[in-house]
N, C-alpha and C. Protein backbone atom coordinates (compact mmCIF):
# COMPACT_ATOMS: atom_id res chain seq x y z
N MET A 1 107.09 110.40 104.16
CA MET A 1 108.19 110.90 104.95
C MET A 1 107.68 112.03 105.83
N GLY A 2 108.11 112.07 107.08
CA GLY A 2 107.71 113.13 108.00
C GLY A 2 108.62 114.33 107.89
N LEU A 3 108.15 115.46 108.40
CA LEU A 3 108.97 116.66 108.43
C LEU A 3 110.11 116.49 109.44
N TRP A 4 109.88 115.71 110.46
CA TRP A 4 110.87 115.50 111.52
C TRP A 4 110.83 114.02 111.82
N ARG A 5 111.91 113.37 111.74
CA ARG A 5 111.89 111.92 111.94
C ARG A 5 111.70 111.52 113.40
N GLY A 6 111.95 112.42 114.33
CA GLY A 6 111.63 112.17 115.73
C GLY A 6 112.51 111.16 116.44
N ARG A 7 113.60 110.73 115.84
CA ARG A 7 114.44 109.71 116.47
C ARG A 7 115.01 110.19 117.80
N CYS A 8 115.37 111.44 117.87
CA CYS A 8 115.93 112.00 119.10
C CYS A 8 115.18 113.27 119.47
N GLY A 9 113.93 113.31 119.12
CA GLY A 9 113.13 114.52 119.30
C GLY A 9 112.79 114.81 120.75
N PRO A 10 112.25 115.98 120.97
CA PRO A 10 111.94 116.43 122.32
C PRO A 10 110.86 115.61 123.02
N CYS A 11 110.04 114.87 122.31
CA CYS A 11 108.98 114.06 122.94
C CYS A 11 109.47 112.68 123.35
N ARG A 12 110.74 112.42 123.26
CA ARG A 12 111.23 111.05 123.44
C ARG A 12 110.84 110.44 124.79
N ASN A 13 110.60 111.25 125.81
CA ASN A 13 110.21 110.71 127.10
C ASN A 13 108.70 110.74 127.31
N ARG A 14 107.96 111.16 126.30
CA ARG A 14 106.50 111.23 126.34
C ARG A 14 105.96 110.63 125.06
N ALA A 15 104.66 110.53 124.99
CA ALA A 15 104.04 110.05 123.76
C ALA A 15 104.31 111.05 122.64
N PRO A 16 104.72 110.58 121.47
CA PRO A 16 105.00 111.49 120.35
C PRO A 16 103.78 112.35 120.02
N GLY A 17 104.05 113.62 119.76
CA GLY A 17 102.99 114.54 119.38
C GLY A 17 102.31 115.22 120.55
N THR A 18 102.85 115.06 121.76
CA THR A 18 102.18 115.62 122.92
C THR A 18 102.89 116.81 123.56
N CYS A 19 104.13 117.10 123.17
CA CYS A 19 104.83 118.20 123.83
C CYS A 19 104.74 119.52 123.06
N GLY A 20 104.61 119.46 121.74
CA GLY A 20 104.48 120.68 120.94
C GLY A 20 105.78 121.39 120.62
N ALA A 21 106.91 120.84 121.03
CA ALA A 21 108.19 121.51 120.79
C ALA A 21 108.54 121.62 119.31
N CYS A 22 107.97 120.77 118.49
CA CYS A 22 108.29 120.78 117.06
C CYS A 22 107.22 121.49 116.23
N ARG A 23 106.39 122.30 116.88
CA ARG A 23 105.31 123.01 116.18
C ARG A 23 105.89 123.97 115.16
N VAL A 24 105.40 123.88 113.93
CA VAL A 24 105.81 124.78 112.85
C VAL A 24 104.56 125.24 112.12
N LYS A 25 104.69 126.39 111.45
CA LYS A 25 103.56 126.90 110.68
C LYS A 25 103.68 126.40 109.25
N LEU A 26 102.63 125.79 108.76
CA LEU A 26 102.58 125.29 107.39
C LEU A 26 102.12 126.43 106.50
N ASN A 27 103.05 126.97 105.71
CA ASN A 27 102.73 128.10 104.83
C ASN A 27 102.17 127.65 103.50
N ALA A 28 102.57 126.48 103.04
CA ALA A 28 102.09 125.96 101.76
C ALA A 28 102.19 124.45 101.77
N GLY A 29 101.28 123.80 101.07
CA GLY A 29 101.30 122.36 100.96
C GLY A 29 100.30 121.69 101.87
N GLU A 30 100.33 120.37 101.85
CA GLU A 30 99.38 119.59 102.64
C GLU A 30 100.10 118.49 103.41
N VAL A 31 99.67 118.31 104.65
CA VAL A 31 100.17 117.23 105.49
C VAL A 31 98.99 116.61 106.24
N SER A 32 99.18 115.40 106.70
CA SER A 32 98.23 114.79 107.63
C SER A 32 99.03 114.44 108.88
N MET A 33 98.35 114.39 110.02
CA MET A 33 99.04 114.09 111.27
C MET A 33 98.37 112.92 111.96
N THR A 34 99.19 112.02 112.51
CA THR A 34 98.65 110.89 113.25
C THR A 34 98.23 111.31 114.65
N ASN A 35 98.85 112.33 115.22
CA ASN A 35 98.52 112.83 116.55
C ASN A 35 98.76 114.33 116.56
N ASP A 36 97.76 115.09 116.97
CA ASP A 36 97.93 116.54 117.05
C ASP A 36 97.48 117.06 118.42
N ASP A 37 97.62 116.22 119.45
CA ASP A 37 97.16 116.57 120.79
C ASP A 37 97.80 117.84 121.35
N ALA A 38 99.02 118.16 120.93
CA ALA A 38 99.71 119.33 121.46
C ALA A 38 99.24 120.64 120.84
N LEU A 39 98.38 120.57 119.83
CA LEU A 39 97.89 121.78 119.16
C LEU A 39 96.51 122.16 119.68
N THR A 40 96.32 123.46 119.89
CA THR A 40 94.99 123.94 120.25
C THR A 40 94.17 124.09 118.97
N GLU A 41 92.89 124.27 119.12
CA GLU A 41 92.04 124.51 117.95
C GLU A 41 92.49 125.77 117.22
N GLN A 42 92.94 126.79 117.98
CA GLN A 42 93.42 128.02 117.35
C GLN A 42 94.71 127.77 116.58
N ASP A 43 95.63 126.95 117.15
CA ASP A 43 96.85 126.58 116.43
C ASP A 43 96.51 125.97 115.08
N LYS A 44 95.57 125.02 115.09
CA LYS A 44 95.18 124.35 113.85
C LYS A 44 94.58 125.34 112.86
N ALA A 45 93.72 126.23 113.36
CA ALA A 45 93.09 127.24 112.49
C ALA A 45 94.13 128.17 111.90
N ASP A 46 95.21 128.42 112.65
CA ASP A 46 96.28 129.31 112.19
C ASP A 46 97.29 128.61 111.29
N GLY A 47 97.12 127.31 111.06
CA GLY A 47 97.97 126.58 110.13
C GLY A 47 99.17 125.89 110.74
N TYR A 48 99.19 125.73 112.06
CA TYR A 48 100.32 125.06 112.70
C TYR A 48 100.17 123.54 112.62
N VAL A 49 101.30 122.87 112.50
CA VAL A 49 101.36 121.41 112.50
C VAL A 49 102.51 120.98 113.40
N LEU A 50 102.52 119.72 113.76
CA LEU A 50 103.63 119.15 114.53
C LEU A 50 104.55 118.44 113.55
N ALA A 51 105.76 118.92 113.45
CA ALA A 51 106.70 118.34 112.48
C ALA A 51 106.95 116.86 112.74
N CYS A 52 106.93 116.44 114.01
CA CYS A 52 107.19 115.03 114.31
C CYS A 52 106.04 114.12 113.89
N GLN A 53 104.88 114.68 113.65
CA GLN A 53 103.70 113.88 113.30
C GLN A 53 103.24 114.08 111.87
N ALA A 54 103.78 115.09 111.19
CA ALA A 54 103.30 115.45 109.85
C ALA A 54 103.78 114.47 108.79
N GLN A 55 102.84 113.93 108.06
CA GLN A 55 103.13 113.09 106.90
C GLN A 55 102.86 113.95 105.67
N ILE A 56 103.90 114.22 104.92
CA ILE A 56 103.82 115.13 103.78
C ILE A 56 103.11 114.47 102.61
N SER A 57 102.13 115.20 102.04
CA SER A 57 101.42 114.66 100.87
C SER A 57 101.60 115.55 99.64
N SER A 58 102.42 116.60 99.77
CA SER A 58 102.74 117.47 98.64
C SER A 58 104.00 118.25 99.01
N ASP A 59 104.50 119.07 98.10
CA ASP A 59 105.60 119.96 98.45
C ASP A 59 105.10 120.91 99.53
N VAL A 60 105.93 121.16 100.53
CA VAL A 60 105.51 122.03 101.63
C VAL A 60 106.52 123.13 101.88
N THR A 61 106.04 124.21 102.47
CA THR A 61 106.87 125.29 102.98
C THR A 61 106.44 125.52 104.41
N VAL A 62 107.41 125.49 105.33
CA VAL A 62 107.10 125.69 106.74
C VAL A 62 107.93 126.83 107.31
N GLU A 63 107.44 127.36 108.42
CA GLU A 63 108.11 128.44 109.14
C GLU A 63 108.28 127.98 110.58
N ALA A 64 109.51 127.96 111.07
CA ALA A 64 109.76 127.48 112.43
C ALA A 64 109.34 128.50 113.46
């Protein structure tokens, strides 16, 4: 299950995972992402993920 189902998400007119509007900070837990093009290397290093692309693999805590 994803953090954001993306059915009516902000990327609907673009390829999913490319606008960054759903960027959240992952404070705890683990996710994998199918597309993280909207994140910079610094975003990734700082723990940000794209909610529309995140596939949860454990309990998570996020900060919007």
